[in-house]
């Protein structure tokens, strides 16, 4: 989702200039402090957990991928345009292939950030889940419950990260 928004912002210079200060401000806000606001707006349920996860990971992705798209060598872009290439062709033939390392890096970073968002969301609104178990275990001094939950989180994050590494290897191999 963040990559798609970054592409839209690259496509429209106007939207990029308008949204840049908001992205910087949103990135600097402590997302955990926004949790109660999300609960009031959305309600105390799974939607609040999803919004918390997006709040923590989405802005970073947008900013990182947009920066990657904007940092591509302008000479390559001009070359495609000189030969009559459309903006879409510049995007698909130059920008996306050249930005692949940035996009993959954003995915790797967001594995951890997304889990943080889920856990924070569960801290705030859930009656089940790993975040709830961590809070509950801490309240009743059941360290085994806390550590088991943390271990499960670590394994899940490592598996997701490895999935991205496999995807990266496959994309590099098939990219040519």
N, C-alpha and C. Protein backbone atom coordinates (compact mmCIF):
# COMPACT_ATOMS: atom_id res chain seq x y z
N UNK A 1 0.82 -1.18 0.00
CA UNK A 1 0.00 0.00 0.00
C UNK A 1 0.88 1.26 0.00
N UNK A 2 1.93 1.25 0.82
CA UNK A 2 2.82 2.41 0.88
C UNK A 2 3.55 2.63 -0.43
N UNK A 3 3.94 1.53 -1.09
CA UNK A 3 4.62 1.64 -2.39
C UNK A 3 3.68 2.24 -3.42
N UNK A 4 2.43 1.81 -3.42
CA UNK A 4 1.44 2.34 -4.36
C UNK A 4 1.23 3.84 -4.13
N UNK A 5 1.12 4.25 -2.89
CA UNK A 5 0.95 5.67 -2.58
C UNK A 5 2.19 6.46 -3.01
N UNK A 6 3.37 5.88 -2.79
CA UNK A 6 4.61 6.55 -3.21
C UNK A 6 4.64 6.73 -4.73
N UNK A 7 4.17 5.73 -5.47
CA UNK A 7 4.12 5.84 -6.93
C UNK A 7 3.15 6.94 -7.34
N UNK A 8 2.01 7.01 -6.68
CA UNK A 8 1.03 8.07 -6.99
C UNK A 8 1.64 9.44 -6.71
N UNK A 9 2.36 9.56 -5.60
CA UNK A 9 2.99 10.84 -5.27
C UNK A 9 4.10 11.18 -6.27
N UNK A 10 4.83 10.18 -6.75
CA UNK A 10 5.84 10.43 -7.78
C UNK A 10 5.15 10.89 -9.07
N UNK A 11 4.03 10.27 -9.40
CA UNK A 11 3.31 10.57 -10.63
C UNK A 11 2.80 12.00 -10.63
N UNK A 12 2.30 12.45 -9.48
CA UNK A 12 1.72 13.79 -9.37
C UNK A 12 2.61 14.67 -8.50
N UNK A 13 3.33 15.56 -9.14
CA UNK A 13 4.20 16.48 -8.40
C UNK A 13 3.38 17.34 -7.44
N UNK A 14 2.18 17.71 -7.87
CA UNK A 14 1.30 18.53 -7.02
C UNK A 14 0.97 17.78 -5.73
N UNK A 15 0.50 16.53 -5.86
CA UNK A 15 0.17 15.75 -4.67
C UNK A 15 1.40 15.54 -3.78
N UNK A 16 2.53 15.35 -4.41
CA UNK A 16 3.76 15.15 -3.65
C UNK A 16 4.11 16.38 -2.82
N UNK A 17 4.02 17.55 -3.44
CA UNK A 17 4.34 18.78 -2.71
C UNK A 17 3.33 19.08 -1.62
N UNK A 18 2.06 18.80 -1.89
CA UNK A 18 1.02 19.05 -0.89
C UNK A 18 1.16 18.08 0.29
N UNK A 19 1.45 16.83 0.01
CA UNK A 19 1.46 15.82 1.07
C UNK A 19 2.77 15.77 1.86
N UNK A 20 3.85 16.30 1.31
CA UNK A 20 5.15 16.18 1.98
C UNK A 20 5.15 16.70 3.42
N UNK A 21 4.65 17.91 3.69
CA UNK A 21 4.68 18.36 5.09
C UNK A 21 3.83 17.48 6.01
N UNK A 22 2.71 16.99 5.49
CA UNK A 22 1.85 16.12 6.30
C UNK A 22 2.55 14.80 6.60
N UNK A 23 3.25 14.26 5.61
CA UNK A 23 3.98 13.01 5.83
C UNK A 23 5.07 13.20 6.88
N UNK A 24 5.77 14.31 6.82
CA UNK A 24 6.83 14.59 7.80
C UNK A 24 6.23 14.71 9.20
N UNK A 25 5.12 15.42 9.31
CA UNK A 25 4.47 15.59 10.61
C UNK A 25 3.95 14.25 11.13
N UNK A 26 3.27 13.49 10.26
CA UNK A 26 2.74 12.19 10.67
C UNK A 26 3.86 11.24 11.08
N UNK A 27 4.98 11.32 10.39
CA UNK A 27 6.11 10.45 10.72
C UNK A 27 6.69 10.80 12.09
N UNK A 28 6.64 12.07 12.46
CA UNK A 28 7.24 12.49 13.73
C UNK A 28 6.33 12.25 14.94
N UNK A 29 5.05 12.02 14.70
CA UNK A 29 4.12 11.81 15.82
C UNK A 29 4.36 10.46 16.49
N UNK A 30 4.22 10.40 17.80
CA UNK A 30 4.30 9.10 18.47
C UNK A 30 3.00 8.32 18.20
N UNK A 31 3.10 7.30 17.38
CA UNK A 31 1.90 6.58 16.93
C UNK A 31 1.14 5.94 18.09
N UNK A 32 1.86 5.53 19.11
CA UNK A 32 1.20 4.91 20.26
C UNK A 32 0.24 5.90 20.92
N UNK A 33 0.62 7.16 20.93
CA UNK A 33 -0.25 8.19 21.51
C UNK A 33 -1.52 8.39 20.70
N UNK A 34 -1.49 7.99 19.42
CA UNK A 34 -2.68 8.12 18.59
C UNK A 34 -3.67 6.98 18.80
N UNK A 35 -3.25 5.95 19.51
CA UNK A 35 -4.11 4.79 19.74
C UNK A 35 -5.49 5.16 20.29
N UNK A 36 -5.57 5.94 21.36
CA UNK A 36 -6.89 6.32 21.87
C UNK A 36 -7.74 7.08 20.85
N UNK A 37 -7.09 7.89 20.02
CA UNK A 37 -7.82 8.62 18.97
C UNK A 37 -8.42 7.63 17.99
N UNK A 38 -7.63 6.62 17.58
CA UNK A 38 -8.13 5.60 16.66
C UNK A 38 -9.30 4.84 17.27
N UNK A 39 -9.21 4.54 18.56
CA UNK A 39 -10.29 3.81 19.22
C UNK A 39 -11.58 4.62 19.21
N UNK A 40 -11.48 5.92 19.48
CA UNK A 40 -12.67 6.77 19.46
C UNK A 40 -13.25 6.86 18.06
N UNK A 41 -12.39 7.03 17.05
CA UNK A 41 -12.86 7.17 15.67
C UNK A 41 -13.42 5.87 15.10
N UNK A 42 -12.73 4.76 15.36
CA UNK A 42 -13.03 3.51 14.67
C UNK A 42 -13.74 2.52 15.56
N UNK A 43 -13.50 2.61 16.84
CA UNK A 43 -14.07 1.64 17.77
C UNK A 43 -12.99 0.69 18.25
N UNK A 44 -13.27 0.04 19.35
CA UNK A 44 -12.30 -0.88 19.96
C UNK A 44 -12.49 -2.26 19.35
N UNK A 45 -11.85 -2.50 18.25
CA UNK A 45 -11.96 -3.79 17.58
C UNK A 45 -10.80 -4.02 16.64
N UNK A 46 -10.94 -5.01 15.79
CA UNK A 46 -9.86 -5.34 14.85
C UNK A 46 -9.49 -4.18 13.92
N UNK A 47 -10.45 -3.35 13.57
CA UNK A 47 -10.15 -2.22 12.68
C UNK A 47 -9.16 -1.26 13.34
N UNK A 48 -9.27 -1.06 14.64
CA UNK A 48 -8.32 -0.18 15.35
C UNK A 48 -6.92 -0.77 15.33
N UNK A 49 -6.82 -2.09 15.42
CA UNK A 49 -5.51 -2.75 15.36
C UNK A 49 -4.90 -2.58 13.98
N UNK A 50 -5.72 -2.73 12.94
CA UNK A 50 -5.24 -2.56 11.56
C UNK A 50 -4.78 -1.13 11.33
N UNK A 51 -5.57 -0.17 11.79
CA UNK A 51 -5.20 1.24 11.60
C UNK A 51 -3.92 1.57 12.37
N UNK A 52 -3.75 1.02 13.55
CA UNK A 52 -2.52 1.24 14.32
C UNK A 52 -1.32 0.66 13.56
N UNK A 53 -1.49 -0.52 13.00
CA UNK A 53 -0.41 -1.13 12.22
C UNK A 53 -0.06 -0.27 11.02
N UNK A 54 -1.07 0.21 10.31
CA UNK A 54 -0.83 1.08 9.16
C UNK A 54 -0.17 2.39 9.58
N UNK A 55 -0.61 2.94 10.69
CA UNK A 55 -0.04 4.22 11.15
C UNK A 55 1.45 4.08 11.44
N UNK A 56 1.84 2.94 11.97
CA UNK A 56 3.24 2.75 12.33
C UNK A 56 4.09 2.45 11.11
N UNK A 57 3.57 1.70 10.15
CA UNK A 57 4.42 1.25 9.04
C UNK A 57 4.22 2.00 7.72
N UNK A 58 3.06 2.54 7.48
CA UNK A 58 2.74 3.10 6.16
C UNK A 58 3.55 4.35 5.83
N UNK A 59 3.64 5.28 6.75
CA UNK A 59 4.32 6.56 6.47
C UNK A 59 5.79 6.32 6.14
N UNK A 60 6.43 5.43 6.89
CA UNK A 60 7.84 5.12 6.64
C UNK A 60 8.01 4.56 5.23
N UNK A 61 7.12 3.67 4.84
CA UNK A 61 7.19 3.08 3.50
C UNK A 61 7.02 4.13 2.43
N UNK A 62 6.02 4.97 2.58
CA UNK A 62 5.76 6.01 1.57
C UNK A 62 7.00 6.88 1.41
N UNK A 63 7.54 7.35 2.52
CA UNK A 63 8.68 8.26 2.45
C UNK A 63 9.92 7.58 1.86
N UNK A 64 10.17 6.35 2.26
CA UNK A 64 11.36 5.66 1.79
C UNK A 64 11.26 5.33 0.30
N UNK A 65 10.12 4.79 -0.14
CA UNK A 65 9.97 4.43 -1.55
C UNK A 65 9.93 5.67 -2.42
N UNK A 66 9.24 6.72 -1.99
CA UNK A 66 9.20 7.95 -2.76
C UNK A 66 10.61 8.53 -2.92
N UNK A 67 11.37 8.52 -1.84
CA UNK A 67 12.75 8.99 -1.92
C UNK A 67 13.56 8.14 -2.90
N UNK A 68 13.33 6.84 -2.90
CA UNK A 68 14.00 5.96 -3.85
C UNK A 68 13.63 6.26 -5.28
N UNK A 69 12.34 6.52 -5.53
CA UNK A 69 11.89 6.86 -6.88
C UNK A 69 12.49 8.18 -7.35
N UNK A 70 12.56 9.14 -6.45
CA UNK A 70 13.06 10.47 -6.82
C UNK A 70 14.58 10.51 -6.95
N UNK A 71 15.26 9.51 -6.41
CA UNK A 71 16.73 9.53 -6.47
C UNK A 71 17.31 8.80 -7.68
N UNK A 72 16.44 8.30 -8.55
CA UNK A 72 16.92 7.61 -9.76
C UNK A 72 17.59 8.63 -10.67
N UNK A 73 18.65 8.20 -11.33
CA UNK A 73 19.42 9.05 -12.24
C UNK A 73 18.50 9.68 -13.29
N UNK A 74 18.45 10.99 -13.29
CA UNK A 74 17.58 11.73 -14.22
C UNK A 74 17.97 11.52 -15.68
N UNK A 75 19.22 11.18 -15.93
CA UNK A 75 19.66 10.95 -17.30
C UNK A 75 18.96 9.73 -17.90
N UNK A 76 18.75 8.71 -17.09
CA UNK A 76 18.03 7.52 -17.56
C UNK A 76 16.60 7.87 -17.92
N UNK A 77 15.98 8.69 -17.10
CA UNK A 77 14.60 9.11 -17.35
C UNK A 77 14.54 9.94 -18.62
N UNK A 78 15.46 10.86 -18.78
CA UNK A 78 15.49 11.71 -19.99
C UNK A 78 15.73 10.87 -21.24
N UNK A 79 16.54 9.83 -21.13
CA UNK A 79 16.81 8.97 -22.27
C UNK A 79 15.53 8.29 -22.76
N UNK A 80 14.76 7.74 -21.83
CA UNK A 80 13.50 7.09 -22.20
C UNK A 80 12.53 8.11 -22.79
N UNK A 81 12.46 9.29 -22.19
CA UNK A 81 11.57 10.33 -22.70
C UNK A 81 12.01 10.82 -24.08
N UNK A 82 13.31 10.90 -24.32
CA UNK A 82 13.82 11.34 -25.61
C UNK A 82 13.38 10.39 -26.72
N UNK A 83 13.33 9.11 -26.41
CA UNK A 83 12.89 8.13 -27.40
C UNK A 83 11.37 7.97 -27.43
N UNK A 84 10.66 8.92 -26.84
CA UNK A 84 9.20 8.93 -26.90
C UNK A 84 8.51 8.12 -25.83
N UNK A 85 9.24 7.75 -24.80
CA UNK A 85 8.64 6.97 -23.72
C UNK A 85 7.66 7.79 -22.90
N UNK A 86 6.55 7.16 -22.56
CA UNK A 86 5.53 7.83 -21.74
C UNK A 86 5.95 7.80 -20.27
N UNK A 87 5.20 8.50 -19.46
CA UNK A 87 5.47 8.51 -18.02
C UNK A 87 5.30 7.10 -17.45
N UNK A 88 4.32 6.38 -17.98
CA UNK A 88 4.10 5.00 -17.55
C UNK A 88 5.31 4.13 -17.89
N UNK A 89 5.87 4.31 -19.09
CA UNK A 89 7.05 3.54 -19.48
C UNK A 89 8.26 3.92 -18.63
N UNK A 90 8.40 5.18 -18.30
CA UNK A 90 9.48 5.60 -17.40
C UNK A 90 9.33 4.87 -16.06
N UNK A 91 8.11 4.82 -15.57
CA UNK A 91 7.84 4.17 -14.29
C UNK A 91 8.17 2.68 -14.36
N UNK A 92 7.63 1.99 -15.38
CA UNK A 92 7.77 0.54 -15.42
C UNK A 92 9.12 0.05 -15.93
N UNK A 93 9.76 0.81 -16.79
CA UNK A 93 11.02 0.36 -17.40
C UNK A 93 12.26 0.91 -16.71
N UNK A 94 12.12 2.04 -16.01
CA UNK A 94 13.29 2.65 -15.37
C UNK A 94 13.13 2.69 -13.85
N UNK A 95 12.09 3.35 -13.38
CA UNK A 95 11.98 3.62 -11.94
C UNK A 95 11.77 2.37 -11.09
N UNK A 96 10.77 1.56 -11.44
CA UNK A 96 10.50 0.40 -10.60
C UNK A 96 11.66 -0.59 -10.58
N UNK A 97 12.25 -0.94 -11.74
CA UNK A 97 13.41 -1.83 -11.66
C UNK A 97 14.57 -1.23 -10.86
N UNK A 98 14.83 0.04 -11.03
CA UNK A 98 15.93 0.68 -10.30
C UNK A 98 15.61 0.84 -8.82
N UNK A 99 14.33 0.93 -8.47
CA UNK A 99 13.92 1.11 -7.08
C UNK A 99 13.66 -0.20 -6.36
N UNK A 100 13.83 -1.31 -7.04
CA UNK A 100 13.56 -2.60 -6.42
C UNK A 100 14.31 -2.80 -5.10
N UNK A 101 15.60 -2.48 -5.01
CA UNK A 101 16.27 -2.63 -3.71
C UNK A 101 15.63 -1.77 -2.60
N UNK A 102 15.20 -0.58 -2.95
CA UNK A 102 14.56 0.29 -1.96
C UNK A 102 13.22 -0.29 -1.52
N UNK A 103 12.45 -0.81 -2.47
CA UNK A 103 11.14 -1.39 -2.15
C UNK A 103 11.32 -2.63 -1.27
N UNK A 104 12.27 -3.48 -1.62
CA UNK A 104 12.53 -4.68 -0.82
C UNK A 104 13.01 -4.28 0.58
N UNK A 105 13.86 -3.28 0.67
CA UNK A 105 14.33 -2.81 1.97
C UNK A 105 13.16 -2.29 2.81
N UNK A 106 12.24 -1.58 2.17
CA UNK A 106 11.06 -1.08 2.89
C UNK A 106 10.23 -2.25 3.42
N UNK A 107 10.10 -3.31 2.62
CA UNK A 107 9.37 -4.50 3.08
C UNK A 107 10.06 -5.12 4.30
N UNK A 108 11.38 -5.21 4.24
CA UNK A 108 12.12 -5.80 5.36
C UNK A 108 11.94 -4.98 6.63
N UNK A 109 12.01 -3.67 6.51
CA UNK A 109 11.82 -2.80 7.67
C UNK A 109 10.41 -2.94 8.22
N UNK A 110 9.44 -3.05 7.32
CA UNK A 110 8.05 -3.09 7.75
C UNK A 110 7.62 -4.39 8.38
N UNK A 111 8.41 -5.45 8.23
CA UNK A 111 8.09 -6.68 8.95
C UNK A 111 8.06 -6.38 10.44
N UNK A 112 9.11 -5.76 10.94
CA UNK A 112 9.16 -5.42 12.36
C UNK A 112 8.15 -4.37 12.75
N UNK A 113 8.05 -3.32 11.93
CA UNK A 113 7.12 -2.23 12.27
C UNK A 113 5.67 -2.71 12.29
N UNK A 114 5.32 -3.59 11.38
CA UNK A 114 3.94 -4.09 11.35
C UNK A 114 3.62 -4.91 12.59
N UNK A 115 4.58 -5.73 13.02
CA UNK A 115 4.34 -6.48 14.25
C UNK A 115 4.22 -5.55 15.46
N UNK A 116 5.03 -4.51 15.47
CA UNK A 116 4.91 -3.52 16.55
C UNK A 116 3.50 -2.92 16.54
N UNK A 117 3.01 -2.57 15.35
CA UNK A 117 1.66 -2.01 15.23
C UNK A 117 0.59 -2.95 15.72
N UNK A 118 0.71 -4.22 15.35
CA UNK A 118 -0.28 -5.21 15.79
C UNK A 118 -0.25 -5.35 17.31
N UNK A 119 0.94 -5.46 17.87
CA UNK A 119 1.06 -5.64 19.32
C UNK A 119 0.55 -4.42 20.07
N UNK A 120 0.90 -3.23 19.60
CA UNK A 120 0.41 -2.00 20.25
C UNK A 120 -1.11 -1.94 20.16
N UNK A 121 -1.65 -2.27 19.00
CA UNK A 121 -3.10 -2.29 18.84
C UNK A 121 -3.75 -3.28 19.80
N UNK A 122 -3.14 -4.45 19.95
CA UNK A 122 -3.68 -5.44 20.88
C UNK A 122 -3.52 -4.99 22.33
N UNK A 123 -2.43 -4.29 22.63
CA UNK A 123 -2.28 -3.73 23.98
C UNK A 123 -3.50 -2.88 24.32
N UNK A 124 -3.95 -2.09 23.35
CA UNK A 124 -4.98 -1.09 23.60
C UNK A 124 -6.40 -1.64 23.57
N UNK A 125 -6.71 -2.56 22.66
CA UNK A 125 -8.12 -2.90 22.46
C UNK A 125 -8.46 -4.37 22.53
N UNK A 126 -7.49 -5.25 22.53
CA UNK A 126 -7.81 -6.66 22.35
C UNK A 126 -8.03 -7.39 23.66
N UNK A 127 -8.85 -8.42 23.57
CA UNK A 127 -9.07 -9.33 24.69
C UNK A 127 -8.42 -10.69 24.39
N UNK A 128 -7.67 -10.73 23.29
CA UNK A 128 -6.93 -11.94 22.92
C UNK A 128 -5.77 -11.52 22.03
N UNK A 129 -4.92 -12.48 21.73
CA UNK A 129 -3.78 -12.19 20.87
C UNK A 129 -2.50 -12.07 21.68
N UNK A 130 -1.40 -12.00 20.98
CA UNK A 130 -0.09 -11.97 21.64
C UNK A 130 0.12 -10.69 22.45
N UNK A 131 -0.33 -9.57 21.92
CA UNK A 131 -0.21 -8.31 22.67
C UNK A 131 -0.97 -8.37 23.98
N UNK A 132 -2.16 -8.92 23.92
CA UNK A 132 -2.96 -9.08 25.13
C UNK A 132 -2.26 -10.00 26.12
N UNK A 133 -1.70 -11.12 25.62
CA UNK A 133 -1.02 -12.06 26.50
C UNK A 133 0.21 -11.44 27.16
N UNK A 134 0.91 -10.59 26.43
CA UNK A 134 2.08 -9.92 27.00
C UNK A 134 1.65 -8.99 28.14
N UNK A 135 0.61 -8.20 27.90
CA UNK A 135 0.11 -7.29 28.94
C UNK A 135 -0.42 -8.08 30.14
N UNK A 136 -1.26 -9.08 29.86
CA UNK A 136 -1.83 -9.89 30.93
C UNK A 136 -0.74 -10.59 31.73
N UNK A 137 0.21 -11.21 31.02
CA UNK A 137 1.31 -11.90 31.70
C UNK A 137 2.12 -10.97 32.58
N UNK A 138 2.32 -9.74 32.11
CA UNK A 138 3.04 -8.75 32.91
C UNK A 138 2.25 -8.34 34.14
N UNK A 139 0.93 -8.25 34.01
CA UNK A 139 0.10 -7.82 35.13
C UNK A 139 0.02 -8.87 36.24
N UNK A 140 0.01 -10.15 35.85
CA UNK A 140 -0.11 -11.22 36.85
C UNK A 140 1.23 -11.90 37.13
N UNK A 141 2.31 -11.27 36.66
CA UNK A 141 3.68 -11.75 36.89
C UNK A 141 3.91 -13.17 36.38
N UNK A 142 3.35 -13.46 35.20
CA UNK A 142 3.58 -14.76 34.56
C UNK A 142 4.59 -14.54 33.43
N UNK A 143 5.86 -14.55 33.81
CA UNK A 143 6.93 -14.29 32.86
C UNK A 143 6.96 -15.32 31.74
N UNK A 144 6.56 -16.57 32.04
CA UNK A 144 6.54 -17.59 30.99
C UNK A 144 5.56 -17.23 29.88
N UNK A 145 4.44 -16.64 30.22
CA UNK A 145 3.46 -16.21 29.23
C UNK A 145 4.01 -15.07 28.38
N UNK A 146 4.67 -14.13 29.03
CA UNK A 146 5.27 -13.00 28.31
C UNK A 146 6.36 -13.50 27.37
N UNK A 147 7.27 -14.31 27.87
CA UNK A 147 8.40 -14.78 27.05
C UNK A 147 7.94 -15.69 25.91
N UNK A 148 6.95 -16.52 26.15
CA UNK A 148 6.42 -17.37 25.08
C UNK A 148 5.82 -16.51 23.98
N UNK A 149 5.09 -15.48 24.36
CA UNK A 149 4.50 -14.58 23.37
C UNK A 149 5.58 -13.86 22.57
N UNK A 150 6.61 -13.40 23.26
CA UNK A 150 7.72 -12.71 22.59
C UNK A 150 8.44 -13.68 21.65
N UNK A 151 8.62 -14.92 22.07
CA UNK A 151 9.26 -15.92 21.23
C UNK A 151 8.43 -16.20 19.97
N UNK A 152 7.14 -16.33 20.13
CA UNK A 152 6.25 -16.54 18.97
C UNK A 152 6.34 -15.35 18.02
N UNK A 153 6.35 -14.15 18.56
CA UNK A 153 6.51 -12.95 17.72
C UNK A 153 7.82 -12.98 16.96
N UNK A 154 8.88 -13.34 17.64
CA UNK A 154 10.19 -13.40 17.00
C UNK A 154 10.23 -14.41 15.87
N UNK A 155 9.65 -15.58 16.09
CA UNK A 155 9.61 -16.61 15.05
C UNK A 155 8.77 -16.14 13.87
N UNK A 156 7.61 -15.57 14.15
CA UNK A 156 6.74 -15.07 13.06
C UNK A 156 7.44 -13.98 12.25
N UNK A 157 8.10 -13.06 12.94
CA UNK A 157 8.81 -11.99 12.24
C UNK A 157 9.97 -12.55 11.41
N UNK A 158 10.69 -13.52 11.96
CA UNK A 158 11.81 -14.13 11.23
C UNK A 158 11.30 -14.86 9.98
N UNK A 159 10.19 -15.56 10.10
CA UNK A 159 9.61 -16.25 8.94
C UNK A 159 9.17 -15.26 7.86
N UNK A 160 8.54 -14.19 8.29
CA UNK A 160 8.13 -13.17 7.31
C UNK A 160 9.35 -12.54 6.64
N UNK A 161 10.37 -12.26 7.42
CA UNK A 161 11.59 -11.67 6.87
C UNK A 161 12.22 -12.63 5.86
N UNK A 162 12.28 -13.91 6.20
CA UNK A 162 12.84 -14.89 5.27
C UNK A 162 12.00 -14.97 3.99
N UNK A 163 10.70 -14.84 4.11
CA UNK A 163 9.85 -14.80 2.92
C UNK A 163 10.22 -13.65 2.00
N UNK A 164 10.52 -12.51 2.59
CA UNK A 164 10.92 -11.34 1.79
C UNK A 164 12.30 -11.57 1.16
N UNK A 165 13.21 -12.22 1.90
CA UNK A 165 14.53 -12.53 1.34
C UNK A 165 14.39 -13.48 0.15
N UNK A 166 13.52 -14.47 0.27
CA UNK A 166 13.27 -15.40 -0.85
C UNK A 166 12.68 -14.64 -2.03
N UNK A 167 11.72 -13.77 -1.77
CA UNK A 167 11.14 -12.94 -2.84
C UNK A 167 12.21 -12.08 -3.50
N UNK A 168 13.07 -11.50 -2.70
CA UNK A 168 14.14 -10.65 -3.24
C UNK A 168 15.06 -11.45 -4.16
N UNK A 169 15.47 -12.64 -3.73
CA UNK A 169 16.33 -13.48 -4.56
C UNK A 169 15.64 -13.86 -5.86
N UNK A 170 14.37 -14.19 -5.77
CA UNK A 170 13.61 -14.56 -6.97
C UNK A 170 13.51 -13.38 -7.94
N UNK A 171 13.21 -12.20 -7.41
CA UNK A 171 13.09 -11.01 -8.26
C UNK A 171 14.42 -10.65 -8.91
N UNK A 172 15.51 -10.75 -8.15
CA UNK A 172 16.83 -10.44 -8.72
C UNK A 172 17.18 -11.45 -9.81
N UNK A 173 16.86 -12.70 -9.58
CA UNK A 173 17.16 -13.75 -10.56
C UNK A 173 16.36 -13.57 -11.84
N UNK A 174 15.10 -13.20 -11.73
CA UNK A 174 14.22 -13.08 -12.90
C UNK A 174 14.19 -11.69 -13.50
N UNK A 175 14.86 -10.77 -12.86
CA UNK A 175 14.89 -9.39 -13.37
C UNK A 175 15.85 -9.27 -14.55
N UNK A 176 16.84 -10.11 -14.57
CA UNK A 176 17.78 -10.08 -15.70
C UNK A 176 18.92 -9.29 -15.36
